[in-house]
Amino acid sequence: MNQRLTLRLACWDYDRTRPLIDGRVKPEGIDLQISVMRPREAFTRMLEREEFDIAEVSLANYTQLKAKADTRFVGIPVALSRMFRHSCIYVRAGAGINHPKDLPGRRVGAVQVDSTGLIFIKGMLAHEYGITPDRIKWVLGGLEAPARGKLPPGGHGDVEMLGDTETLVNAFAGGAIDVIISNHIPSLYRARDPRMLRLFKDFKSVEQNYFKRTGIFPVMHTLAMRSSVHAAHPQAAAHIYEAFCRARDIAIDDLYDTDALRITLPWLIDHIDESRRVFGENYWVYGAEANRKVWDTLSGYLVEQQLAARKPDLTELFVTG
C-alpha cells in the first residue's frame, strides 16, 4: 500500500477553497494540513520564511522572485484571487478629479506601490490613459494605522513618506492628499463620507469594457510550492492543481441554485449569468496557458515600473504538464 504524502497548505477561506478545507475534495495521494489565514500573512510566512509546503502568494511578489532567478519555489497555475481594480481609486469630491487625465501632479496616497493590485492599476493608467507613475506625486504610508511605507525604485517620480503618526485616511480627511489608491476600502468610503468618491463611478461598465478590449481579467494571487517538495514528489503539483480545479467547480456549481441562495446577494443568479455572458462559461479559469496574457502583462508591468529587471518566461513561473 502506497503511503500518502502529508503537505502543509496556507490559504484564505474562499468559496473555491472551502471544499478542500472541509475535506469534500482531497488531492490524489495527499493529505493536506490546511492553515486558514488572510492572504498577506500567508505571503510573508511563505515567501520570506518558507513555513509551508504550498501557499497562496502574491502574483507580483512571486514573479519578482522569479525575475531574480530565485529557485526556492515553483508555481502552480491556480488563479486563486482575481479582481479588476478600477474601483480602488478614491478621489476627493470637488477637487476637479473626474478622469484619469486629471491625476498628473496630484498627491496620491498608497500603502505600497509593489502590490499586485497597485501594479495592475499603474499599468492600466499608463496603457489606457497615458498616465505613467512618474507623473504622480506619491505619498506612502499606512491606510488606517501608521506604518512606514517602502521607498519604491526609480520611475515613480516624486515620493513622500508619511510621518510616523500619520495615516492616509487622515491625510485625505485633512486635505493633504486628494487621491487614495488602495486594495482595501477606506473607512471614509465605508462610512459614506461625501468627501470621498470613486474615480470610476460606473466602474463595472469600465471594467467590462476593459476586459472586452484587452482580454485581461487580472490575477492577484496564485499558488507556490517549495521546490524541495516538488523535487521529491514531482507529481504532487499536478494533483494539487487538479484538486483546486475540482474545488472551484464545486463552488461555482453551488452558487447557481435558485432553491436557496448560498450567498447573501439578492440577484446572485443574474450576476452569474452576466459573468458567463462577459467571460464565457468558464469565467474563473485556471491554468498556465489559459492565463498567459495575464501573466505576461503583469510581468511586463513589473519591468516598466522598474520593479523587476526582466520578464520571467512562463515555464519559469509555473509547473506545466
Protein backbone atom coordinates (compact mmCIF):
# COMPACT_ATOMS: atom_id res chain seq x y z
CA MET A 1 0.00 0.00 0.00
CA ASN A 2 1.42 3.38 -1.03
CA GLN A 3 2.00 5.79 1.82
CA ARG A 4 0.10 9.07 1.50
CA LEU A 5 2.03 12.30 1.41
CA THR A 6 1.24 14.97 4.00
CA LEU A 7 1.68 18.59 2.90
CA ARG A 8 1.09 21.87 4.74
CA LEU A 9 -1.06 24.39 2.83
CA ALA A 10 -1.81 28.02 3.75
CA CYS A 11 -4.66 29.89 2.05
CA TRP A 12 -7.68 32.07 2.71
CA ASP A 13 -11.24 30.82 3.23
CA TYR A 14 -12.68 31.38 -0.26
CA ASP A 15 -15.75 29.55 -1.57
CA ARG A 16 -13.35 27.98 -4.08
CA THR A 17 -11.04 26.64 -1.33
CA ARG A 18 -13.73 25.57 1.15
CA PRO A 19 -14.21 22.10 -0.41
CA LEU A 20 -10.52 21.49 0.32
CA ILE A 21 -10.76 22.95 3.81
CA ASP A 22 -13.80 20.86 4.81
CA GLY A 23 -12.49 17.69 3.16
CA ARG A 24 -15.00 17.30 0.34
CA VAL A 25 -12.08 17.43 -2.08
CA LYS A 26 -8.82 15.60 -1.43
CA PRO A 27 -5.79 15.66 -3.75
CA GLU A 28 -4.84 12.24 -5.06
CA GLY A 29 -2.40 10.57 -2.65
CA ILE A 30 -2.05 13.70 -0.50
CA ASP A 31 -3.33 14.66 2.95
CA LEU A 32 -3.43 18.43 3.39
CA GLN A 33 -2.83 20.13 6.72
CA ILE A 34 -4.53 23.44 5.97
CA SER A 35 -3.89 26.68 7.82
CA VAL A 36 -6.54 29.29 7.02
CA MET A 37 -5.24 32.85 7.16
CA ARG A 38 -5.55 36.21 5.47
CA PRO A 39 -3.52 36.32 2.24
CA ARG A 40 -0.93 38.87 3.38
CA GLU A 41 0.04 36.69 6.33
CA ALA A 42 0.44 33.70 4.02
CA PHE A 43 2.59 35.75 1.63
CA THR A 44 5.07 36.70 4.34
CA ARG A 45 5.22 33.32 6.02
CA MET A 46 5.77 31.51 2.74
CA LEU A 47 7.93 33.79 0.60
CA GLU A 48 10.10 35.10 3.44
CA ARG A 49 10.15 32.23 5.93
CA GLU A 50 9.14 29.14 3.91
CA GLU A 51 6.84 27.90 6.68
CA PHE A 52 4.56 25.83 4.40
CA ASP A 53 4.89 23.30 1.62
CA ILE A 54 2.28 25.13 -0.51
CA ALA A 55 0.76 28.56 0.00
CA GLU A 56 -1.30 31.31 -1.55
CA VAL A 57 1.13 34.02 -2.69
CA SER A 58 1.05 37.45 -4.28
CA LEU A 59 1.48 37.04 -8.02
CA ALA A 60 3.65 40.16 -8.22
CA ASN A 61 5.90 39.22 -5.31
CA TYR A 62 6.31 35.69 -6.65
CA THR A 63 7.08 36.95 -10.18
CA GLN A 64 9.66 39.39 -8.79
CA LEU A 65 11.44 36.49 -7.08
CA LYS A 66 11.48 34.52 -10.33
CA ALA A 67 12.86 37.55 -12.17
CA LYS A 68 15.79 37.41 -9.72
CA ALA A 69 16.26 33.69 -10.55
CA ASP A 70 15.10 32.69 -7.05
CA THR A 71 14.65 28.92 -7.21
CA ARG A 72 13.12 28.24 -3.78
CA PHE A 73 9.59 27.88 -5.20
CA VAL A 74 7.68 26.56 -8.18
CA GLY A 75 4.32 27.99 -9.19
CA ILE A 76 1.07 26.05 -9.58
CA PRO A 77 -1.10 27.98 -12.09
CA VAL A 78 -4.16 28.46 -9.90
CA ALA A 79 -5.71 31.93 -10.25
CA LEU A 80 -6.80 31.83 -6.63
CA SER A 81 -7.72 35.50 -6.36
CA ARG A 82 -8.53 37.75 -9.27
CA MET A 83 -10.15 41.16 -9.45
CA PHE A 84 -10.37 44.25 -11.62
CA ARG A 85 -9.01 47.22 -9.68
CA HIS A 86 -10.63 50.24 -11.34
CA SER A 87 -12.87 50.55 -8.26
CA CYS A 88 -9.85 51.03 -5.97
CA ILE A 89 -9.07 54.65 -6.90
CA TYR A 90 -10.74 57.10 -4.50
CA VAL A 91 -10.77 60.87 -5.09
CA ARG A 92 -11.79 64.00 -3.22
CA ALA A 93 -15.17 65.44 -4.12
CA GLY A 94 -14.80 68.88 -5.63
CA ALA A 95 -11.06 68.51 -6.30
CA GLY A 96 -11.54 68.55 -10.07
CA ILE A 97 -10.52 64.92 -10.50
CA ASN A 98 -13.14 63.43 -12.79
CA HIS A 99 -10.98 61.44 -15.20
CA PRO A 100 -7.56 59.77 -15.08
CA LYS A 101 -6.18 62.68 -17.14
CA ASP A 102 -6.70 64.82 -14.02
CA LEU A 103 -4.23 62.75 -11.94
CA PRO A 104 -0.84 64.14 -13.11
CA GLY A 105 0.70 66.35 -10.46
CA ARG A 106 -1.77 65.25 -7.77
CA ARG A 107 -0.73 63.89 -4.38
CA VAL A 108 -1.80 60.24 -4.44
CA GLY A 109 -1.72 58.13 -1.31
CA ALA A 110 -0.88 54.42 -1.35
CA VAL A 111 0.25 51.85 1.18
CA GLN A 112 2.77 50.40 -1.26
CA VAL A 113 3.43 50.55 -4.98
CA ASP A 114 4.51 46.94 -5.45
CA SER A 115 1.35 45.04 -4.52
CA THR A 116 -0.22 43.15 -7.43
CA GLY A 117 -3.30 45.37 -7.30
CA LEU A 118 -1.30 48.62 -7.44
CA ILE A 119 0.90 47.29 -10.24
CA PHE A 120 -2.15 46.46 -12.36
CA ILE A 121 -3.68 49.89 -11.59
CA LYS A 122 -0.48 51.73 -12.58
CA GLY A 123 -0.19 49.62 -15.71
CA MET A 124 -3.81 50.27 -16.63
CA LEU A 125 -3.40 54.04 -16.10
CA ALA A 126 -0.25 54.06 -18.24
CA HIS A 127 -1.52 51.92 -21.12
CA GLU A 128 -5.14 53.06 -21.21
CA TYR A 129 -4.74 56.76 -20.37
CA GLY A 130 -1.06 57.63 -20.78
CA ILE A 131 -0.61 58.40 -17.06
CA THR A 132 2.75 56.88 -16.14
CA PRO A 133 3.74 56.56 -12.44
CA ASP A 134 6.34 59.34 -12.69
CA ARG A 135 3.57 61.88 -13.44
CA ILE A 136 2.04 61.39 -9.99
CA LYS A 137 3.24 62.66 -6.60
CA TRP A 138 3.18 59.54 -4.42
CA VAL A 139 2.55 59.69 -0.68
CA LEU A 140 3.21 56.35 1.05
CA GLY A 141 2.03 55.22 4.48
CA GLY A 142 -0.49 53.14 6.38
CA LEU A 143 -4.13 53.32 5.30
CA GLU A 144 -5.88 53.33 8.69
CA ALA A 145 -2.95 52.87 11.10
CA PRO A 146 0.51 54.46 10.96
CA ALA A 147 3.02 52.38 9.03
CA ARG A 148 6.26 53.08 7.27
CA GLY A 149 5.94 52.85 3.53
CA LYS A 150 8.62 51.20 1.39
CA LEU A 151 10.53 53.58 -0.85
CA PRO A 152 9.93 52.49 -4.47
CA PRO A 153 12.63 52.30 -7.14
CA GLY A 154 13.13 54.96 -9.80
CA GLY A 155 10.39 55.64 -12.30
CA HIS A 156 7.84 56.73 -9.71
CA GLY A 157 8.62 60.46 -9.76
CA ASP A 158 8.16 62.39 -6.51
CA VAL A 159 7.73 60.11 -3.49
CA GLU A 160 6.97 61.29 0.04
CA MET A 161 6.70 59.16 3.17
CA LEU A 162 4.00 59.97 5.72
CA GLY A 163 5.13 60.75 9.26
CA ASP A 164 5.25 58.03 11.91
CA THR A 165 1.91 59.06 13.43
CA GLU A 166 0.01 59.83 10.22
CA THR A 167 -2.36 57.71 8.12
CA LEU A 168 -3.55 58.04 4.54
CA VAL A 169 -7.19 58.29 5.59
CA ASN A 170 -6.42 61.14 8.00
CA ALA A 171 -4.28 62.87 5.37
CA PHE A 172 -7.17 62.64 2.92
CA ALA A 173 -9.68 63.89 5.51
CA GLY A 174 -7.39 66.81 6.32
CA GLY A 175 -6.88 67.79 2.68
CA ALA A 176 -3.19 66.82 2.47
CA ILE A 177 -3.83 64.33 -0.34
CA ASP A 178 -6.56 64.27 -2.98
CA VAL A 179 -6.45 60.60 -4.01
CA ILE A 180 -6.06 57.22 -2.34
CA ILE A 181 -5.35 54.06 -4.33
CA SER A 182 -5.99 51.11 -2.07
CA ASN A 183 -6.69 47.38 -2.32
CA HIS A 184 -8.76 47.82 0.86
CA ILE A 185 -11.88 50.01 1.04
CA PRO A 186 -11.04 53.09 3.14
CA SER A 187 -13.14 53.69 6.25
CA LEU A 188 -14.26 57.07 4.89
CA TYR A 189 -15.84 55.39 1.88
CA ARG A 190 -17.41 52.65 4.02
CA ALA A 191 -18.94 55.41 6.16
CA ARG A 192 -20.39 57.09 3.03
CA ASP A 193 -18.38 60.22 3.74
CA PRO A 194 -19.37 62.66 0.96
CA ARG A 195 -15.80 63.89 0.64
CA MET A 196 -14.65 60.57 -0.86
CA LEU A 197 -15.80 59.29 -4.26
CA ARG A 198 -14.60 56.64 -6.65
CA LEU A 199 -12.77 57.95 -9.72
CA PHE A 200 -14.63 55.47 -11.90
CA LYS A 201 -18.18 55.84 -10.64
CA ASP A 202 -19.57 53.22 -13.04
CA PHE A 203 -16.53 51.01 -12.56
CA LYS A 204 -18.33 47.82 -13.55
CA SER A 205 -19.03 49.07 -17.08
CA VAL A 206 -15.49 50.42 -17.38
CA GLU A 207 -14.03 47.08 -16.25
CA GLN A 208 -16.23 45.07 -18.60
CA ASN A 209 -15.19 47.30 -21.50
CA TYR A 210 -11.55 46.93 -20.47
CA PHE A 211 -11.87 43.13 -20.50
CA LYS A 212 -13.62 43.06 -23.87
CA ARG A 213 -10.85 45.17 -25.41
CA THR A 214 -7.81 43.61 -23.70
CA GLY A 215 -8.86 40.10 -22.66
CA ILE A 216 -7.28 40.76 -19.24
CA PHE A 217 -9.03 39.64 -16.04
CA PRO A 218 -6.27 40.45 -13.53
CA VAL A 219 -4.96 37.68 -11.28
CA MET A 220 -3.92 38.81 -7.80
CA HIS A 221 -2.80 35.59 -6.07
CA THR A 222 -1.54 32.21 -7.18
CA LEU A 223 -0.06 29.12 -5.50
CA ALA A 224 3.59 28.39 -4.80
CA MET A 225 5.16 25.11 -3.71
CA ARG A 226 8.59 24.75 -2.19
CA SER A 227 10.99 23.48 -4.83
CA SER A 228 12.35 20.84 -2.47
CA VAL A 229 8.87 19.34 -2.17
CA HIS A 230 8.42 19.40 -5.94
CA ALA A 231 11.79 17.73 -6.49
CA ALA A 232 10.98 14.97 -4.01
CA HIS A 233 7.40 14.47 -5.21
CA PRO A 234 7.17 15.62 -8.86
CA GLN A 235 3.51 14.52 -9.29
CA ALA A 236 2.27 16.42 -6.26
CA ALA A 237 1.89 19.76 -8.08
CA ALA A 238 -0.40 18.20 -10.69
CA HIS A 239 -2.53 16.52 -8.00
CA ILE A 240 -2.79 19.82 -6.09
CA TYR A 241 -3.78 21.66 -9.27
CA GLU A 242 -6.47 19.11 -10.10
CA ALA A 243 -7.86 19.33 -6.56
CA PHE A 244 -8.07 23.12 -6.69
CA CYS A 245 -9.89 22.85 -10.03
CA ARG A 246 -12.43 20.43 -8.54
CA ALA A 247 -12.93 22.68 -5.51
CA ARG A 248 -13.54 25.70 -7.76
CA ASP A 249 -16.04 23.75 -9.87
CA ILE A 250 -17.99 22.73 -6.76
CA ALA A 251 -18.07 26.34 -5.54
CA ILE A 252 -19.37 27.67 -8.87
CA ASP A 253 -21.96 24.90 -9.17
CA ASP A 254 -23.20 25.59 -5.64
CA LEU A 255 -23.74 29.27 -6.45
CA TYR A 256 -26.10 28.55 -9.35
CA ASP A 257 -29.00 27.33 -7.22
CA THR A 258 -32.42 29.01 -7.05
CA ASP A 259 -33.76 26.70 -4.35
CA ALA A 260 -31.92 28.73 -1.69
CA LEU A 261 -29.32 31.40 -2.42
CA ARG A 262 -25.98 30.39 -0.95
CA ILE A 263 -24.55 33.94 -0.94
CA THR A 264 -26.23 36.99 0.61
CA LEU A 265 -26.84 38.74 -2.72
CA PRO A 266 -30.42 39.24 -3.95
CA TRP A 267 -29.52 38.99 -7.67
CA LEU A 268 -26.83 36.35 -7.38
CA ILE A 269 -28.23 34.29 -10.28
CA ASP A 270 -28.29 37.29 -12.59
CA HIS A 271 -24.71 38.10 -11.60
CA ILE A 272 -23.59 34.58 -12.57
CA ASP A 273 -25.49 34.76 -15.87
CA GLU A 274 -23.91 38.12 -16.63
CA SER A 275 -20.42 36.81 -15.77
CA ARG A 276 -20.91 33.94 -18.22
CA ARG A 277 -22.06 36.34 -20.94
CA VAL A 278 -18.98 38.52 -20.45
CA PHE A 279 -16.27 35.91 -19.79
CA GLY A 280 -17.74 32.69 -21.14
CA GLU A 281 -18.86 29.59 -19.26
CA ASN A 282 -15.51 29.10 -17.54
CA TYR A 283 -15.32 32.58 -16.07
CA TRP A 284 -12.77 31.76 -13.34
CA VAL A 285 -10.22 29.89 -15.41
CA TYR A 286 -7.07 28.25 -14.03
CA GLY A 287 -4.04 27.07 -15.97
CA ALA A 288 -0.74 28.46 -17.24
CA GLU A 289 -1.57 28.72 -20.93
CA ALA A 290 -5.19 29.82 -20.37
CA ASN A 291 -3.94 32.84 -18.40
CA ARG A 292 -0.80 33.50 -20.44
CA LYS A 293 -1.85 37.06 -21.34
CA VAL A 294 -2.41 37.95 -17.68
CA TRP A 295 0.93 36.51 -16.53
CA ASP A 296 2.73 38.23 -19.42
CA THR A 297 1.00 41.57 -18.80
CA LEU A 298 1.87 41.58 -15.11
CA SER A 299 5.49 40.67 -15.87
CA GLY A 300 5.67 43.49 -18.40
CA TYR A 301 4.28 45.99 -15.91
CA LEU A 302 6.90 44.94 -13.35
CA VAL A 303 9.68 45.73 -15.82
CA GLU A 304 8.09 49.01 -16.94
CA GLN A 305 7.68 50.13 -13.32
CA GLN A 306 11.30 49.18 -12.53
CA LEU A 307 10.17 46.57 -10.03
CA ALA A 308 11.86 43.73 -11.95
CA ALA A 309 14.84 43.63 -14.28
CA ARG A 310 13.34 41.10 -16.69
CA LYS A 311 10.19 39.17 -17.61
CA PRO A 312 10.36 35.54 -16.48
CA ASP A 313 9.26 33.00 -19.06
CA LEU A 314 6.02 31.12 -18.42
CA THR A 315 8.00 27.90 -17.89
CA GLU A 316 9.98 29.66 -15.13
CA LEU A 317 6.83 30.77 -13.37
CA PHE A 318 4.77 27.57 -13.39
CA VAL A 319 4.97 23.83 -13.38
CA THR A 320 3.39 22.63 -16.63
CA GLY A 321 2.11 19.25 -17.73
